[in-house]
């Protein structure tokens, strides 16, 4: 499905991994209209594991086939269980023997794994995302019955605390094991709360990155989104006549992400202002 009319995206959408960005008030944002929507394919996540594919072959079964859907539910091809496990495990193997700080290895694995873990969640995540969104947006929410998301969050927490590469890789293998267990009897992810609360404006991999980020990263991302939204408001106010639909679309997507970020920081007991 192609983009809706006027559906444009921010060029270089702010990321919140790795080096902390310098936030500048009134920074300039550029807008482009993509020739095809690759954002939902995960092709701009930075991963090179082969997780992203052209839309060929079988469409991902979790995708709603309704007449309308937001970007988070655009059809794409799926990875097989063996492809996911190989993509995850091969990166762990490739990092063996590395010396120095574990932090760059953590960032590498998180970046490269996100497209694969999106596939794993969609195929075997069950009610994990739904339960988390309800918990942070409408507490007390509910407890998930599918364990994959909680297993991934726990494993990433241990990985982040590791100071030695060998220790980090030991915890990283638990990510592979969690995906292995979950995909033996897959439970397709529910999009109910993503559609109801976020209207499909925040994608699975974006939600996962929030959950796999530390407090400082979330605060930095929330601040960056706030300044970008201010810039969009200023640009809209300065435009005479009809306003570009794409700018409104960008604003609402950022607003939805900011809502989740604020809610997750609150869940962690941190201020959002």
Protein backbone atom coordinates (compact mmCIF):
# COMPACT_ATOMS: atom_id res chain seq x y z
CA UNK A 1 0.00 0.00 0.00
CA UNK A 2 1.41 3.40 -0.95
CA UNK A 3 1.56 6.49 1.18
CA UNK A 4 -1.53 8.56 1.82
CA UNK A 5 -1.66 11.88 -0.06
CA UNK A 6 0.70 14.42 1.44
CA UNK A 7 2.27 11.79 3.70
CA UNK A 8 5.81 13.04 4.06
CA UNK A 9 8.43 12.15 6.60
CA UNK A 10 11.18 13.99 8.36
CA UNK A 11 14.53 13.49 6.68
CA UNK A 12 16.88 12.01 9.21
CA UNK A 13 14.29 11.34 11.90
CA UNK A 14 16.04 11.85 15.27
CA UNK A 15 17.49 8.66 16.72
CA UNK A 16 18.27 8.12 20.37
CA UNK A 17 20.93 5.46 20.37
CA UNK A 18 24.66 5.78 20.68
CA UNK A 19 26.01 9.33 20.95
CA UNK A 20 23.64 11.71 22.65
CA UNK A 21 22.47 14.39 20.18
CA UNK A 22 22.94 18.04 20.91
CA UNK A 23 19.51 19.58 21.23
CA UNK A 24 19.17 23.06 19.76
CA UNK A 25 16.03 25.09 20.03
CA UNK A 26 14.58 26.11 16.71
CA UNK A 27 16.64 23.63 14.70
CA UNK A 28 15.63 23.34 11.07
CA UNK A 29 13.87 20.25 9.78
CA UNK A 30 13.62 19.27 6.15
CA UNK A 31 10.83 17.27 4.60
CA UNK A 32 10.91 14.91 1.69
CA UNK A 33 8.35 12.76 -0.02
CA UNK A 34 9.81 9.26 -0.37
CA UNK A 35 9.47 7.39 -3.63
CA UNK A 36 8.40 4.38 -1.59
CA UNK A 37 7.76 3.89 2.10
CA UNK A 38 10.76 2.01 3.47
CA UNK A 39 10.31 3.11 7.07
CA UNK A 40 7.85 0.33 7.81
CA UNK A 41 10.24 -2.20 6.32
CA UNK A 42 12.87 -1.34 8.87
CA UNK A 43 15.32 -0.36 6.15
CA UNK A 44 16.31 2.85 7.93
CA UNK A 45 17.10 1.14 11.23
CA UNK A 46 20.78 0.78 10.40
CA UNK A 47 20.82 -2.99 10.53
CA UNK A 48 22.65 -5.07 7.93
CA UNK A 49 21.67 -8.53 9.09
CA UNK A 50 19.44 -9.23 6.11
CA UNK A 51 16.35 -8.76 8.25
CA UNK A 52 14.74 -6.41 5.77
CA UNK A 53 13.46 -7.75 2.49
CA UNK A 54 11.75 -6.37 -0.53
CA UNK A 55 8.01 -6.95 -0.48
CA UNK A 56 8.13 -10.18 -2.38
CA UNK A 57 6.68 -13.55 -1.55
CA UNK A 58 4.33 -14.13 1.36
CA UNK A 59 2.97 -11.06 3.10
CA UNK A 60 3.53 -10.90 6.84
CA UNK A 61 0.46 -12.65 8.33
CA UNK A 62 0.10 -10.15 11.16
CA UNK A 63 -0.68 -7.34 8.75
CA UNK A 64 -4.26 -6.13 8.75
CA UNK A 65 -5.79 -6.49 5.29
CA UNK A 66 -8.35 -3.75 5.83
CA UNK A 67 -8.91 -0.87 3.42
CA UNK A 68 -6.97 1.56 5.64
CA UNK A 69 -3.95 1.11 7.83
CA UNK A 70 -1.20 3.34 9.16
CA UNK A 71 2.47 2.96 8.33
CA UNK A 72 3.09 0.46 11.12
CA UNK A 73 0.98 -2.09 9.30
CA UNK A 74 2.23 -1.80 5.73
CA UNK A 75 2.65 -5.27 4.16
CA UNK A 76 6.10 -6.79 3.87
CA UNK A 77 7.66 -10.20 3.59
CA UNK A 78 8.48 -12.30 6.64
CA UNK A 79 11.65 -13.92 7.90
CA UNK A 80 11.56 -17.61 8.67
CA UNK A 81 12.38 -18.87 12.14
CA UNK A 82 15.75 -20.21 10.96
CA UNK A 83 16.59 -16.85 9.32
CA UNK A 84 15.82 -14.97 12.52
CA UNK A 85 17.89 -17.28 14.70
CA UNK A 86 20.79 -17.19 12.26
CA UNK A 87 20.71 -13.39 12.01
CA UNK A 88 20.74 -13.02 15.79
CA UNK A 89 23.29 -15.74 16.52
CA UNK A 90 25.73 -14.81 13.79
CA UNK A 91 26.20 -11.35 15.27
CA UNK A 92 26.96 -12.81 18.69
CA UNK A 93 29.53 -15.11 17.11
CA UNK A 94 31.06 -12.24 15.13
CA UNK A 95 31.61 -10.24 18.32
CA UNK A 96 33.60 -12.99 20.07
CA UNK A 97 37.12 -11.99 20.95
CA UNK A 98 36.49 -8.26 20.82
CA UNK A 99 38.39 -6.28 23.41
CA UNK A 100 37.67 -3.01 25.11
CA UNK A 101 34.42 -1.59 26.40
CA UNK A 102 31.22 -3.59 26.10
CA UNK A 103 29.18 -0.45 25.32
CA UNK A 104 29.95 -0.31 21.56
CA UNK A 105 29.11 -4.01 21.24
CA UNK A 106 25.80 -3.44 23.01
CA UNK A 107 24.96 -0.59 20.65
CA UNK A 108 25.96 -2.68 17.62
CA UNK A 109 23.79 -5.62 18.65
CA UNK A 110 20.80 -3.43 19.50
CA UNK A 111 20.99 -1.61 16.17
CA UNK A 112 21.52 -4.71 14.05
CA UNK A 113 19.00 -6.82 15.94
CA UNK A 114 16.04 -4.41 15.91
CA UNK A 115 14.71 -5.47 12.47
CA UNK A 116 14.98 -9.14 13.47
CA UNK A 117 13.38 -8.65 16.86
CA UNK A 118 10.53 -6.75 15.23
CA UNK A 119 9.88 -9.86 13.14
CA UNK A 120 10.15 -12.10 16.20
CA UNK A 121 7.71 -9.95 18.17
CA UNK A 122 5.21 -9.84 15.32
CA UNK A 123 5.34 -13.58 14.84
CA UNK A 124 5.54 -14.72 18.46
CA UNK A 125 5.03 -11.73 20.75
CA UNK A 126 1.39 -12.36 21.54
CA UNK A 127 -0.09 -9.75 23.85
CA UNK A 128 3.27 -8.39 25.06
CA UNK A 129 3.10 -4.99 23.37
CA UNK A 130 -0.60 -4.60 24.17
CA UNK A 131 -0.03 -5.34 27.85
CA UNK A 132 2.90 -2.92 28.12
CA UNK A 133 1.06 -0.08 26.35
CA UNK A 134 -1.96 -0.52 28.62
CA UNK A 135 0.28 -0.58 31.67
CA UNK A 136 2.10 2.65 30.82
CA UNK A 137 -0.79 4.54 29.22
CA UNK A 138 -3.69 3.36 31.37
CA UNK A 139 -2.26 1.97 34.61
CA UNK A 140 -2.51 -0.46 36.23
CA UNK A 141 -2.99 -2.09 32.83
CA UNK A 142 -2.56 -5.84 32.53
CA UNK A 143 0.04 -8.59 32.70
CA UNK A 144 1.05 -10.22 29.44
CA UNK A 145 0.51 -13.92 28.96
CA UNK A 146 3.14 -14.20 26.20
CA UNK A 147 6.67 -14.07 27.70
CA UNK A 148 8.78 -12.95 24.73
CA UNK A 149 8.75 -9.19 25.33
CA UNK A 150 9.52 -9.46 29.04
CA UNK A 151 12.32 -11.94 28.26
CA UNK A 152 13.84 -9.50 25.77
CA UNK A 153 13.59 -6.54 28.15
CA UNK A 154 15.29 -8.54 30.92
CA UNK A 155 18.06 -9.75 28.61
CA UNK A 156 18.77 -6.25 27.28
CA UNK A 157 18.90 -4.93 30.83
CA UNK A 158 21.59 -7.47 31.72
CA UNK A 159 23.46 -6.74 28.51
CA UNK A 160 23.53 -3.04 29.25
CA UNK A 161 24.99 -3.59 32.74
CA UNK A 162 27.80 -5.80 31.45
CA UNK A 163 31.22 -4.16 31.44
CA UNK A 164 33.12 -6.97 29.73
CA UNK A 165 32.38 -8.09 26.19
CA UNK A 166 32.34 -11.78 27.13
CA UNK A 167 29.74 -11.16 29.83
CA UNK A 168 27.64 -9.10 27.44
CA UNK A 169 27.70 -11.86 24.83
CA UNK A 170 26.63 -14.41 27.42
CA UNK A 171 23.54 -12.33 28.12
CA UNK A 172 23.07 -11.70 24.39
CA UNK A 173 22.72 -15.42 23.83
CA UNK A 174 19.67 -15.35 26.09
CA UNK A 175 18.03 -13.10 23.49
CA UNK A 176 18.58 -15.77 20.86
CA UNK A 177 17.27 -18.41 23.25
CA UNK A 178 14.16 -16.35 24.02
CA UNK A 179 13.36 -16.00 20.31
CA UNK A 180 14.04 -19.71 19.83
CA UNK A 181 11.57 -20.65 22.58
CA UNK A 182 8.88 -18.21 21.48
CA UNK A 183 8.96 -19.19 17.81
CA UNK A 184 8.55 -22.89 18.51
CA UNK A 185 4.90 -22.19 19.25
CA UNK A 186 4.41 -18.68 17.85
CA UNK A 187 1.67 -16.40 19.16
CA UNK A 188 1.04 -13.62 16.67
CA UNK A 189 1.33 -10.14 18.15
CA UNK A 190 -1.80 -8.17 18.88
CA UNK A 191 -2.00 -4.70 17.35
CA UNK A 192 -5.18 -3.79 19.26
CA UNK A 193 -3.66 -1.21 21.60
CA UNK A 194 -1.26 0.11 18.96
CA UNK A 195 -4.28 0.87 16.80
CA UNK A 196 -6.53 2.04 19.63
CA UNK A 197 -4.07 4.18 21.62
CA UNK A 198 -1.50 5.18 18.99
CA UNK A 199 -3.50 4.83 15.76
CA UNK A 200 -0.60 2.92 14.22
CA UNK A 201 1.64 5.97 14.26
CA UNK A 202 4.49 4.34 16.21
CA UNK A 203 5.97 1.18 14.79
CA UNK A 204 6.98 -2.03 16.56
CA UNK A 205 10.72 -1.41 16.22
CA UNK A 206 10.29 2.11 17.62
CA UNK A 207 8.46 0.73 20.65
CA UNK A 208 11.14 -1.92 21.12
CA UNK A 209 13.88 0.69 21.03
CA UNK A 210 12.11 2.61 23.79
CA UNK A 211 12.05 -0.53 25.92
CA UNK A 212 15.69 -1.36 25.16
CA UNK A 213 16.93 2.16 25.99
CA UNK A 214 18.18 3.51 29.30
CA UNK A 215 16.70 6.46 31.14
CA UNK A 216 19.14 9.02 29.73
CA UNK A 217 18.40 7.93 26.16
CA UNK A 218 14.67 8.27 26.72
CA UNK A 219 15.01 11.73 28.26
CA UNK A 220 17.25 12.86 25.40
CA UNK A 221 14.84 11.51 22.80
CA UNK A 222 11.86 13.16 24.47
CA UNK A 223 13.66 16.51 24.56
CA UNK A 224 14.62 16.18 20.90
CA UNK A 225 11.06 15.38 19.90
CA UNK A 226 9.83 18.40 21.87
CA UNK A 227 12.14 20.77 20.00
CA UNK A 228 11.24 19.21 16.65
CA UNK A 229 7.53 19.63 17.39
CA UNK A 230 8.14 23.29 18.27
CA UNK A 231 9.89 23.74 14.93
CA UNK A 232 6.97 22.20 13.07
CA UNK A 233 4.51 24.46 14.91
CA UNK A 234 6.57 27.53 13.99
CA UNK A 235 6.76 26.45 10.34
CA UNK A 236 3.01 25.83 10.17
CA UNK A 237 2.25 29.22 11.72
CA UNK A 238 4.48 30.96 9.20
CA UNK A 239 2.78 29.36 6.18
CA UNK A 240 -0.08 31.26 4.57
CA UNK A 241 -3.06 29.38 3.25
CA UNK A 242 -3.31 25.58 3.19
CA UNK A 243 -0.75 23.67 5.23
CA UNK A 244 1.06 20.53 3.97
CA UNK A 245 -0.63 17.37 5.17
CA UNK A 246 2.77 15.77 5.63
CA UNK A 247 3.78 18.25 8.30
CA UNK A 248 0.64 17.54 10.28
CA UNK A 249 1.32 13.83 9.85
CA UNK A 250 4.88 14.21 11.13
CA UNK A 251 3.64 16.22 14.10
CA UNK A 252 1.05 13.63 15.13
CA UNK A 253 3.57 10.80 14.82
CA UNK A 254 6.06 12.61 17.01
CA UNK A 255 3.29 13.46 19.47
CA UNK A 256 2.33 9.78 19.70
CA UNK A 257 5.93 8.74 20.32
CA UNK A 258 6.36 11.48 22.93
CA UNK A 259 3.27 10.20 24.71
CA UNK A 260 4.78 6.72 24.97
CA UNK A 261 8.18 8.05 26.04
CA UNK A 262 6.62 10.17 28.79
CA UNK A 263 4.51 7.27 29.98
CA UNK A 264 7.48 4.88 30.07
CA UNK A 265 9.59 7.40 32.00
CA UNK A 266 6.75 7.80 34.47
CA UNK A 267 6.55 4.02 34.84
CA UNK A 268 10.25 4.05 35.68
CA UNK A 269 9.59 6.71 38.32
CA UNK A 270 11.31 9.54 36.43
CA UNK A 271 10.07 13.07 35.68
CA UNK A 272 9.25 13.91 32.08
CA UNK A 273 9.78 17.67 32.21
